[in-house]
Amino acid sequence: MIALLGLLVGVAVGLATQTDVPAFLAPYLPIAVVAAIDALAGATRALLDGIFDDKVFVVSFVSNVLVAATLVFLGDQLGVGSQLSTAVIVVLGIRIFSNAASIRRKLFKA
């Protein structure tokens, strides 16, 4: 319940304030969001499978975001930032759709 309340407060503060993302962080934000969505989809799948562990979720969430951001940073340093960003999005997208399919099968028995 506390986590849900924190989420609602965070969303309300985010919507009420106008914050600008610094230009140097702009390439990392979409990658971080997709990595976070991947972790949430994996957590939902684990919850439905009855094997959810909060410690595993937190580690997965943080490590997904850090690894994805590190890959984008390395891509920028090597001069192939957009290609590596696309690769990260494709891989995480495949994982998200795989987890979504598993969630759908579990919920709808289809």
N, C-alpha and C. Protein backbone atom coordinates (compact mmCIF):
# COMPACT_ATOMS: atom_id res chain seq x y z
N MET A 1 0.82 -1.19 0.00
CA MET A 1 0.00 0.00 0.00
C MET A 1 0.87 1.26 0.00
N ILE A 2 1.97 1.22 0.74
CA ILE A 2 2.86 2.38 0.80
C ILE A 2 3.48 2.64 -0.57
N ALA A 3 3.84 1.56 -1.28
CA ALA A 3 4.43 1.73 -2.61
C ALA A 3 3.43 2.36 -3.57
N LEU A 4 2.19 1.95 -3.51
CA LEU A 4 1.16 2.53 -4.38
C LEU A 4 0.95 4.00 -4.06
N LEU A 5 0.93 4.33 -2.79
CA LEU A 5 0.79 5.72 -2.37
C LEU A 5 1.98 6.54 -2.86
N GLY A 6 3.18 5.99 -2.73
CA GLY A 6 4.37 6.68 -3.22
C GLY A 6 4.34 6.89 -4.72
N LEU A 7 3.84 5.90 -5.44
CA LEU A 7 3.70 6.02 -6.89
C LEU A 7 2.73 7.14 -7.25
N LEU A 8 1.59 7.17 -6.58
CA LEU A 8 0.60 8.20 -6.85
C LEU A 8 1.12 9.59 -6.52
N VAL A 9 1.83 9.73 -5.42
CA VAL A 9 2.41 11.03 -5.05
C VAL A 9 3.46 11.43 -6.08
N GLY A 10 4.29 10.49 -6.49
CA GLY A 10 5.32 10.79 -7.49
C GLY A 10 4.74 11.21 -8.81
N VAL A 11 3.69 10.54 -9.26
CA VAL A 11 3.03 10.91 -10.51
C VAL A 11 2.40 12.29 -10.38
N ALA A 12 1.76 12.57 -9.25
CA ALA A 12 1.12 13.87 -9.04
C ALA A 12 2.16 14.99 -9.04
N VAL A 13 3.27 14.79 -8.36
CA VAL A 13 4.33 15.80 -8.33
C VAL A 13 4.92 15.98 -9.73
N GLY A 14 5.11 14.88 -10.45
CA GLY A 14 5.65 14.97 -11.80
C GLY A 14 4.74 15.72 -12.75
N LEU A 15 3.45 15.53 -12.60
CA LEU A 15 2.50 16.22 -13.46
C LEU A 15 2.32 17.69 -13.05
N ALA A 16 2.46 17.98 -11.77
CA ALA A 16 2.26 19.34 -11.27
C ALA A 16 3.46 20.24 -11.54
N THR A 17 4.63 19.68 -11.61
CA THR A 17 5.84 20.48 -11.85
C THR A 17 6.31 20.28 -13.28
N GLN A 18 6.89 21.32 -13.82
CA GLN A 18 7.44 21.22 -15.16
C GLN A 18 8.95 21.08 -15.03
N THR A 19 9.42 19.87 -15.26
CA THR A 19 10.85 19.63 -15.16
C THR A 19 11.40 19.35 -16.55
N ASP A 20 12.56 19.87 -16.78
CA ASP A 20 13.25 19.64 -18.05
C ASP A 20 14.38 18.66 -17.82
N VAL A 21 14.49 17.73 -18.73
CA VAL A 21 15.59 16.76 -18.66
C VAL A 21 16.82 17.43 -19.25
N PRO A 22 17.94 17.41 -18.52
CA PRO A 22 19.15 17.99 -19.08
C PRO A 22 19.53 17.32 -20.40
N ALA A 23 20.12 18.09 -21.29
CA ALA A 23 20.42 17.60 -22.64
C ALA A 23 21.34 16.38 -22.61
N PHE A 24 22.27 16.34 -21.66
CA PHE A 24 23.20 15.20 -21.63
C PHE A 24 22.53 13.91 -21.16
N LEU A 25 21.37 14.01 -20.52
CA LEU A 25 20.65 12.81 -20.09
C LEU A 25 19.57 12.38 -21.07
N ALA A 26 19.25 13.23 -22.03
CA ALA A 26 18.14 12.95 -22.96
C ALA A 26 18.28 11.61 -23.69
N PRO A 27 19.47 11.20 -24.16
CA PRO A 27 19.54 9.91 -24.86
C PRO A 27 19.30 8.71 -23.95
N TYR A 28 19.50 8.89 -22.65
CA TYR A 28 19.41 7.77 -21.71
C TYR A 28 18.00 7.56 -21.18
N LEU A 29 17.18 8.58 -21.18
CA LEU A 29 15.85 8.49 -20.58
C LEU A 29 14.95 7.46 -21.26
N PRO A 30 14.82 7.45 -22.58
CA PRO A 30 13.95 6.43 -23.19
C PRO A 30 14.45 5.02 -22.94
N ILE A 31 15.76 4.84 -22.96
CA ILE A 31 16.33 3.52 -22.70
C ILE A 31 16.04 3.09 -21.27
N ALA A 32 16.19 4.01 -20.33
CA ALA A 32 15.93 3.70 -18.92
C ALA A 32 14.46 3.34 -18.71
N VAL A 33 13.57 4.06 -19.38
CA VAL A 33 12.13 3.78 -19.24
C VAL A 33 11.80 2.40 -19.79
N VAL A 34 12.33 2.05 -20.96
CA VAL A 34 12.07 0.73 -21.54
C VAL A 34 12.66 -0.37 -20.66
N ALA A 35 13.85 -0.13 -20.10
CA ALA A 35 14.45 -1.12 -19.20
C ALA A 35 13.60 -1.29 -17.94
N ALA A 36 13.06 -0.20 -17.43
CA ALA A 36 12.18 -0.29 -16.25
C ALA A 36 10.90 -1.03 -16.58
N ILE A 37 10.33 -0.79 -17.76
CA ILE A 37 9.12 -1.51 -18.17
C ILE A 37 9.42 -3.00 -18.30
N ASP A 38 10.60 -3.34 -18.79
CA ASP A 38 10.99 -4.75 -18.89
C ASP A 38 11.03 -5.39 -17.50
N ALA A 39 11.61 -4.68 -16.54
CA ALA A 39 11.66 -5.22 -15.17
C ALA A 39 10.26 -5.37 -14.58
N LEU A 40 9.38 -4.41 -14.85
CA LEU A 40 8.01 -4.51 -14.34
C LEU A 40 7.24 -5.66 -14.99
N ALA A 41 7.46 -5.86 -16.28
CA ALA A 41 6.79 -6.98 -16.96
C ALA A 41 7.31 -8.31 -16.41
N GLY A 42 8.61 -8.40 -16.17
CA GLY A 42 9.18 -9.61 -15.57
C GLY A 42 8.65 -9.86 -14.17
N ALA A 43 8.48 -8.79 -13.41
CA ALA A 43 7.95 -8.93 -12.04
C ALA A 43 6.49 -9.38 -12.08
N THR A 44 5.72 -8.85 -13.01
CA THR A 44 4.32 -9.27 -13.13
C THR A 44 4.23 -10.74 -13.50
N ARG A 45 5.08 -11.15 -14.43
CA ARG A 45 5.10 -12.56 -14.83
C ARG A 45 5.48 -13.45 -13.64
N ALA A 46 6.50 -13.05 -12.89
CA ALA A 46 6.91 -13.83 -11.73
C ALA A 46 5.82 -13.87 -10.67
N LEU A 47 5.11 -12.77 -10.51
CA LEU A 47 4.01 -12.74 -9.54
C LEU A 47 2.92 -13.72 -9.92
N LEU A 48 2.57 -13.75 -11.20
CA LEU A 48 1.54 -14.68 -11.67
C LEU A 48 2.01 -16.14 -11.60
N ASP A 49 3.31 -16.36 -11.75
CA ASP A 49 3.86 -17.71 -11.64
C ASP A 49 4.08 -18.13 -10.19
N GLY A 50 3.90 -17.19 -9.27
CA GLY A 50 4.06 -17.48 -7.85
C GLY A 50 5.51 -17.55 -7.39
N ILE A 51 6.43 -16.94 -8.13
CA ILE A 51 7.84 -16.97 -7.75
C ILE A 51 8.42 -15.57 -7.57
N PHE A 52 7.56 -14.60 -7.33
CA PHE A 52 8.02 -13.22 -7.17
C PHE A 52 8.85 -13.08 -5.90
N ASP A 53 9.97 -12.38 -6.03
CA ASP A 53 10.83 -12.06 -4.89
C ASP A 53 11.18 -10.59 -4.99
N ASP A 54 10.87 -9.83 -3.94
CA ASP A 54 11.07 -8.39 -4.01
C ASP A 54 12.54 -8.00 -4.18
N LYS A 55 13.45 -8.76 -3.58
CA LYS A 55 14.88 -8.46 -3.73
C LYS A 55 15.32 -8.67 -5.17
N VAL A 56 14.85 -9.74 -5.78
CA VAL A 56 15.19 -10.01 -7.18
C VAL A 56 14.62 -8.90 -8.06
N PHE A 57 13.42 -8.44 -7.76
CA PHE A 57 12.82 -7.36 -8.54
C PHE A 57 13.65 -6.08 -8.47
N VAL A 58 14.04 -5.69 -7.27
CA VAL A 58 14.81 -4.45 -7.11
C VAL A 58 16.15 -4.56 -7.83
N VAL A 59 16.83 -5.68 -7.65
CA VAL A 59 18.12 -5.87 -8.32
C VAL A 59 17.93 -5.88 -9.84
N SER A 60 16.89 -6.55 -10.33
CA SER A 60 16.62 -6.59 -11.76
C SER A 60 16.30 -5.21 -12.29
N PHE A 61 15.49 -4.47 -11.58
CA PHE A 61 15.09 -3.12 -11.99
C PHE A 61 16.32 -2.21 -12.12
N VAL A 62 17.11 -2.17 -11.07
CA VAL A 62 18.29 -1.29 -11.06
C VAL A 62 19.32 -1.75 -12.09
N SER A 63 19.58 -3.06 -12.14
CA SER A 63 20.61 -3.53 -13.07
C SER A 63 20.17 -3.36 -14.52
N ASN A 64 18.89 -3.58 -14.84
CA ASN A 64 18.41 -3.35 -16.20
C ASN A 64 18.66 -1.90 -16.63
N VAL A 65 18.30 -0.97 -15.78
CA VAL A 65 18.47 0.44 -16.11
C VAL A 65 19.95 0.79 -16.25
N LEU A 66 20.78 0.32 -15.32
CA LEU A 66 22.20 0.64 -15.38
C LEU A 66 22.90 0.01 -16.59
N VAL A 67 22.60 -1.23 -16.88
CA VAL A 67 23.22 -1.89 -18.04
C VAL A 67 22.79 -1.22 -19.33
N ALA A 68 21.50 -0.92 -19.45
CA ALA A 68 21.02 -0.26 -20.66
C ALA A 68 21.65 1.12 -20.83
N ALA A 69 21.72 1.89 -19.75
CA ALA A 69 22.34 3.22 -19.82
C ALA A 69 23.83 3.12 -20.13
N THR A 70 24.49 2.12 -19.57
CA THR A 70 25.92 1.93 -19.85
C THR A 70 26.15 1.58 -21.31
N LEU A 71 25.31 0.74 -21.87
CA LEU A 71 25.44 0.40 -23.28
C LEU A 71 25.25 1.62 -24.18
N VAL A 72 24.28 2.45 -23.85
CA VAL A 72 24.06 3.66 -24.64
C VAL A 72 25.25 4.61 -24.49
N PHE A 73 25.77 4.73 -23.28
CA PHE A 73 26.95 5.59 -23.06
C PHE A 73 28.14 5.09 -23.87
N LEU A 74 28.37 3.79 -23.82
CA LEU A 74 29.49 3.23 -24.60
C LEU A 74 29.27 3.44 -26.09
N GLY A 75 28.05 3.29 -26.54
CA GLY A 75 27.74 3.53 -27.94
C GLY A 75 28.02 4.97 -28.34
N ASP A 76 27.66 5.91 -27.45
CA ASP A 76 27.96 7.32 -27.72
C ASP A 76 29.46 7.56 -27.79
N GLN A 77 30.20 6.93 -26.89
CA GLN A 77 31.65 7.11 -26.88
C GLN A 77 32.30 6.51 -28.12
N LEU A 78 31.73 5.45 -28.64
CA LEU A 78 32.28 4.80 -29.83
C LEU A 78 31.75 5.40 -31.13
N GLY A 79 30.79 6.30 -31.02
CA GLY A 79 30.24 6.94 -32.20
C GLY A 79 29.13 6.15 -32.87
N VAL A 80 28.62 5.14 -32.20
CA VAL A 80 27.52 4.33 -32.75
C VAL A 80 26.34 4.33 -31.79
N GLY A 81 26.11 5.49 -31.17
CA GLY A 81 25.09 5.59 -30.13
C GLY A 81 23.70 5.23 -30.59
N SER A 82 23.30 5.72 -31.78
CA SER A 82 21.93 5.44 -32.21
C SER A 82 21.74 3.97 -32.56
N GLN A 83 22.76 3.34 -33.16
CA GLN A 83 22.64 1.93 -33.50
C GLN A 83 22.57 1.06 -32.24
N LEU A 84 23.40 1.39 -31.26
CA LEU A 84 23.39 0.61 -30.02
C LEU A 84 22.11 0.85 -29.23
N SER A 85 21.61 2.08 -29.26
CA SER A 85 20.33 2.37 -28.61
C SER A 85 19.21 1.56 -29.24
N THR A 86 19.22 1.47 -30.56
CA THR A 86 18.22 0.68 -31.27
C THR A 86 18.32 -0.79 -30.88
N ALA A 87 19.54 -1.29 -30.78
CA ALA A 87 19.73 -2.69 -30.40
C ALA A 87 19.19 -2.95 -29.00
N VAL A 88 19.45 -2.04 -28.07
CA VAL A 88 18.96 -2.19 -26.69
C VAL A 88 17.44 -2.19 -26.68
N ILE A 89 16.84 -1.26 -27.43
CA ILE A 89 15.37 -1.18 -27.48
C ILE A 89 14.79 -2.45 -28.07
N VAL A 90 15.41 -2.99 -29.12
CA VAL A 90 14.90 -4.22 -29.74
C VAL A 90 14.97 -5.39 -28.76
N VAL A 91 16.11 -5.55 -28.10
CA VAL A 91 16.26 -6.67 -27.16
C VAL A 91 15.27 -6.54 -26.00
N LEU A 92 15.18 -5.36 -25.42
CA LEU A 92 14.25 -5.18 -24.31
C LEU A 92 12.80 -5.30 -24.78
N GLY A 93 12.52 -4.83 -25.99
CA GLY A 93 11.18 -4.97 -26.54
C GLY A 93 10.78 -6.42 -26.72
N ILE A 94 11.71 -7.24 -27.19
CA ILE A 94 11.44 -8.67 -27.33
C ILE A 94 11.13 -9.28 -25.98
N ARG A 95 11.91 -8.89 -24.96
CA ARG A 95 11.67 -9.42 -23.61
C ARG A 95 10.31 -8.97 -23.07
N ILE A 96 9.96 -7.72 -23.32
CA ILE A 96 8.67 -7.20 -22.85
C ILE A 96 7.52 -7.95 -23.51
N PHE A 97 7.60 -8.14 -24.83
CA PHE A 97 6.54 -8.86 -25.53
C PHE A 97 6.49 -10.33 -25.11
N SER A 98 7.62 -10.93 -24.83
CA SER A 98 7.64 -12.30 -24.35
C SER A 98 6.95 -12.41 -22.99
N ASN A 99 7.28 -11.48 -22.10
CA ASN A 99 6.64 -11.47 -20.79
C ASN A 99 5.15 -11.17 -20.91
N ALA A 100 4.79 -10.26 -21.83
CA ALA A 100 3.37 -9.93 -22.03
C ALA A 100 2.61 -11.14 -22.55
N ALA A 101 3.22 -11.90 -23.44
CA ALA A 101 2.56 -13.11 -23.94
C ALA A 101 2.37 -14.12 -22.82
N SER A 102 3.37 -14.27 -21.97
CA SER A 102 3.26 -15.20 -20.85
C SER A 102 2.17 -14.74 -19.87
N ILE A 103 2.10 -13.45 -19.63
CA ILE A 103 1.07 -12.90 -18.74
C ILE A 103 -0.31 -13.12 -19.33
N ARG A 104 -0.44 -12.88 -20.63
CA ARG A 104 -1.71 -13.10 -21.31
C ARG A 104 -2.14 -14.55 -21.21
N ARG A 105 -1.20 -15.49 -21.46
CA ARG A 105 -1.54 -16.92 -21.37
C ARG A 105 -1.96 -17.28 -19.95
N LYS A 106 -1.30 -16.69 -18.97
CA LYS A 106 -1.62 -17.02 -17.59
C LYS A 106 -2.99 -16.45 -17.18
N LEU A 107 -3.27 -15.24 -17.61
CA LEU A 107 -4.53 -14.61 -17.22
C LEU A 107 -5.74 -15.13 -17.98
N PHE A 108 -5.57 -15.32 -19.28
CA PHE A 108 -6.70 -15.68 -20.13
C PHE A 108 -6.71 -17.14 -20.56
N LYS A 109 -5.72 -17.89 -20.10
CA LYS A 109 -5.61 -19.32 -20.42
C LYS A 109 -5.64 -19.54 -21.95
N ALA A 110 -5.02 -18.60 -22.66
CA ALA A 110 -5.00 -18.68 -24.13
C ALA A 110 -3.60 -18.46 -24.65
